[in-house]
Amino acid sequence: MSKFADSDIGFISVNKGICNRCQHRGHDPMTCKAFPTGIPEEILRGDFDHHKPFEGDKDIQFEPTPSI
């Protein structure tokens, strides 16, 4: 389980989210190509399935990181 601090919402546990397995993830674990200024809390927590479009995601949804 990963925890990230955010000054506006406190700590977020991202053990249910899919972001850690997404090829669009940024170097900062709180950002990605779809959300370069910050991934919405609902997606990080796993409350929203980002296989589906989410407002503001630039038509970029979850895609698994390719296996090596």
N, C-alpha and C. Protein backbone atom coordinates (compact mmCIF):
# COMPACT_ATOMS: atom_id res chain seq x y z
N MET A 1 0.85 -1.17 0.00
CA MET A 1 0.00 0.00 0.00
C MET A 1 0.89 1.23 0.00
N SER A 2 0.55 2.20 -0.82
CA SER A 2 1.28 3.46 -0.86
C SER A 2 0.42 4.55 -0.26
N LYS A 3 1.07 5.50 0.39
CA LYS A 3 0.35 6.65 0.93
C LYS A 3 1.02 7.91 0.43
N PHE A 4 0.23 8.84 -0.01
CA PHE A 4 0.74 10.10 -0.49
C PHE A 4 0.07 11.23 0.27
N ALA A 5 0.84 12.24 0.60
CA ALA A 5 0.29 13.39 1.31
C ALA A 5 -0.14 14.44 0.30
N ASP A 6 -1.24 15.08 0.58
CA ASP A 6 -1.75 16.17 -0.23
C ASP A 6 -2.25 17.22 0.74
N SER A 7 -1.81 18.45 0.57
CA SER A 7 -2.15 19.49 1.54
C SER A 7 -3.64 19.78 1.60
N ASP A 8 -4.37 19.51 0.52
CA ASP A 8 -5.80 19.80 0.51
C ASP A 8 -6.66 18.67 1.09
N ILE A 9 -6.20 17.42 0.94
CA ILE A 9 -7.06 16.31 1.35
C ILE A 9 -6.41 15.37 2.36
N GLY A 10 -5.21 15.67 2.81
CA GLY A 10 -4.56 14.81 3.79
C GLY A 10 -3.86 13.64 3.10
N PHE A 11 -3.92 12.47 3.74
CA PHE A 11 -3.26 11.29 3.17
C PHE A 11 -4.25 10.47 2.35
N ILE A 12 -3.76 9.92 1.25
CA ILE A 12 -4.55 9.06 0.39
C ILE A 12 -3.87 7.69 0.37
N SER A 13 -4.60 6.66 0.68
CA SER A 13 -4.09 5.30 0.52
C SER A 13 -4.48 4.82 -0.87
N VAL A 14 -3.49 4.43 -1.65
CA VAL A 14 -3.77 4.03 -3.03
C VAL A 14 -3.49 2.54 -3.23
N ASN A 15 -4.03 1.74 -2.36
CA ASN A 15 -3.84 0.30 -2.49
C ASN A 15 -4.86 -0.33 -3.42
N LYS A 16 -5.98 0.33 -3.69
CA LYS A 16 -7.01 -0.21 -4.57
C LYS A 16 -6.95 0.37 -5.97
N GLY A 17 -6.29 1.50 -6.15
CA GLY A 17 -6.25 2.17 -7.43
C GLY A 17 -5.42 1.42 -8.46
N ILE A 18 -5.58 1.79 -9.71
CA ILE A 18 -4.88 1.11 -10.79
C ILE A 18 -3.69 1.93 -11.31
N CYS A 19 -3.48 3.10 -10.76
CA CYS A 19 -2.46 4.01 -11.28
C CYS A 19 -1.06 3.41 -11.28
N ASN A 20 -0.71 2.65 -10.26
CA ASN A 20 0.63 2.08 -10.18
C ASN A 20 0.92 1.08 -11.28
N ARG A 21 -0.12 0.59 -11.94
CA ARG A 21 0.04 -0.40 -13.02
C ARG A 21 -0.20 0.21 -14.40
N CYS A 22 -0.31 1.52 -14.48
CA CYS A 22 -0.67 2.18 -15.75
C CYS A 22 0.57 2.71 -16.47
N GLN A 23 0.58 2.52 -17.79
CA GLN A 23 1.71 3.00 -18.59
C GLN A 23 1.74 4.52 -18.71
N HIS A 24 0.69 5.21 -18.33
CA HIS A 24 0.64 6.67 -18.44
C HIS A 24 1.09 7.38 -17.17
N ARG A 25 1.45 6.62 -16.14
CA ARG A 25 1.86 7.19 -14.86
C ARG A 25 3.05 8.11 -15.05
N GLY A 26 3.08 9.20 -14.29
CA GLY A 26 4.19 10.14 -14.36
C GLY A 26 5.30 9.76 -13.41
N HIS A 27 6.38 10.53 -13.43
CA HIS A 27 7.48 10.29 -12.49
C HIS A 27 7.02 10.59 -11.07
N ASP A 28 6.18 11.59 -10.92
CA ASP A 28 5.53 11.88 -9.64
C ASP A 28 4.32 10.96 -9.56
N PRO A 29 4.21 10.11 -8.53
CA PRO A 29 3.11 9.14 -8.48
C PRO A 29 1.72 9.75 -8.39
N MET A 30 1.64 11.05 -8.22
CA MET A 30 0.34 11.71 -8.14
C MET A 30 -0.07 12.32 -9.48
N THR A 31 0.73 12.09 -10.55
CA THR A 31 0.43 12.65 -11.86
C THR A 31 0.52 11.58 -12.94
N CYS A 32 -0.03 11.91 -14.11
CA CYS A 32 0.05 11.03 -15.27
C CYS A 32 -0.22 11.86 -16.51
N LYS A 33 -0.16 11.23 -17.69
CA LYS A 33 -0.43 11.95 -18.93
C LYS A 33 -1.86 12.50 -18.97
N ALA A 34 -2.80 11.78 -18.39
CA ALA A 34 -4.20 12.24 -18.37
C ALA A 34 -4.40 13.39 -17.40
N PHE A 35 -3.65 13.38 -16.30
CA PHE A 35 -3.79 14.40 -15.25
C PHE A 35 -2.42 14.90 -14.82
N PRO A 36 -1.77 15.72 -15.67
CA PRO A 36 -0.41 16.17 -15.38
C PRO A 36 -0.30 17.08 -14.15
N THR A 37 -1.39 17.65 -13.71
CA THR A 37 -1.33 18.51 -12.53
C THR A 37 -1.86 17.80 -11.28
N GLY A 38 -2.25 16.54 -11.40
CA GLY A 38 -2.70 15.77 -10.24
C GLY A 38 -3.86 14.85 -10.57
N ILE A 39 -3.69 13.58 -10.24
CA ILE A 39 -4.73 12.58 -10.47
C ILE A 39 -5.86 12.79 -9.46
N PRO A 40 -7.11 12.80 -9.90
CA PRO A 40 -8.23 12.98 -8.98
C PRO A 40 -8.25 11.92 -7.87
N GLU A 41 -8.64 12.35 -6.71
CA GLU A 41 -8.70 11.49 -5.53
C GLU A 41 -9.51 10.22 -5.77
N GLU A 42 -10.63 10.33 -6.49
CA GLU A 42 -11.50 9.17 -6.74
C GLU A 42 -10.76 8.06 -7.49
N ILE A 43 -9.88 8.45 -8.39
CA ILE A 43 -9.12 7.47 -9.17
C ILE A 43 -7.99 6.89 -8.33
N LEU A 44 -7.27 7.76 -7.61
CA LEU A 44 -6.18 7.28 -6.76
C LEU A 44 -6.66 6.27 -5.72
N ARG A 45 -7.81 6.52 -5.13
CA ARG A 45 -8.35 5.63 -4.09
C ARG A 45 -8.97 4.37 -4.66
N GLY A 46 -9.23 4.36 -5.96
CA GLY A 46 -9.88 3.21 -6.57
C GLY A 46 -11.39 3.28 -6.50
N ASP A 47 -11.94 4.44 -6.17
CA ASP A 47 -13.39 4.61 -6.11
C ASP A 47 -13.99 4.79 -7.51
N PHE A 48 -13.16 5.13 -8.49
CA PHE A 48 -13.62 5.27 -9.88
C PHE A 48 -12.73 4.39 -10.75
N ASP A 49 -13.34 3.61 -11.61
CA ASP A 49 -12.62 2.72 -12.52
C ASP A 49 -12.19 3.52 -13.75
N HIS A 50 -10.89 3.82 -13.84
CA HIS A 50 -10.42 4.66 -14.94
C HIS A 50 -10.20 3.89 -16.23
N HIS A 51 -10.83 2.73 -16.37
CA HIS A 51 -10.96 2.10 -17.68
C HIS A 51 -12.02 2.88 -18.47
N LYS A 52 -12.82 3.65 -17.76
CA LYS A 52 -13.89 4.47 -18.34
C LYS A 52 -13.44 5.93 -18.35
N PRO A 53 -13.97 6.74 -19.26
CA PRO A 53 -13.62 8.16 -19.29
C PRO A 53 -13.98 8.87 -17.99
N PHE A 54 -13.12 9.81 -17.62
CA PHE A 54 -13.33 10.65 -16.44
C PHE A 54 -13.16 12.09 -16.91
N GLU A 55 -13.98 12.97 -16.42
CA GLU A 55 -13.93 14.37 -16.85
C GLU A 55 -12.51 14.93 -16.72
N GLY A 56 -12.03 15.51 -17.83
CA GLY A 56 -10.72 16.15 -17.82
C GLY A 56 -9.55 15.23 -18.12
N ASP A 57 -9.80 13.96 -18.48
CA ASP A 57 -8.68 13.03 -18.68
C ASP A 57 -8.07 13.06 -20.08
N LYS A 58 -8.44 14.03 -20.90
CA LYS A 58 -7.88 14.21 -22.24
C LYS A 58 -8.06 12.96 -23.10
N ASP A 59 -9.11 12.19 -22.84
CA ASP A 59 -9.41 10.94 -23.56
C ASP A 59 -8.29 9.91 -23.39
N ILE A 60 -7.62 9.95 -22.23
CA ILE A 60 -6.58 8.97 -21.88
C ILE A 60 -7.08 8.22 -20.65
N GLN A 61 -7.25 6.91 -20.80
CA GLN A 61 -7.67 6.08 -19.67
C GLN A 61 -6.58 5.06 -19.35
N PHE A 62 -6.84 4.26 -18.34
CA PHE A 62 -5.90 3.24 -17.90
C PHE A 62 -5.50 2.32 -19.04
N GLU A 63 -4.20 2.10 -19.16
CA GLU A 63 -3.64 1.07 -20.04
C GLU A 63 -2.53 0.41 -19.24
N PRO A 64 -2.56 -0.91 -19.14
CA PRO A 64 -1.56 -1.59 -18.31
C PRO A 64 -0.14 -1.37 -18.86
N THR A 65 0.81 -1.30 -17.95
CA THR A 65 2.21 -1.21 -18.34
C THR A 65 2.57 -2.50 -19.07
N PRO A 66 3.20 -2.37 -20.25
CA PRO A 66 3.55 -3.59 -21.00
C PRO A 66 4.49 -4.49 -20.19
N SER A 67 4.29 -5.77 -20.31
CA SER A 67 5.18 -6.73 -19.66
C SER A 67 6.52 -6.75 -20.39
N ILE A 68 7.55 -7.00 -19.64
CA ILE A 68 8.89 -7.05 -20.24
C ILE A 68 9.22 -8.48 -20.58
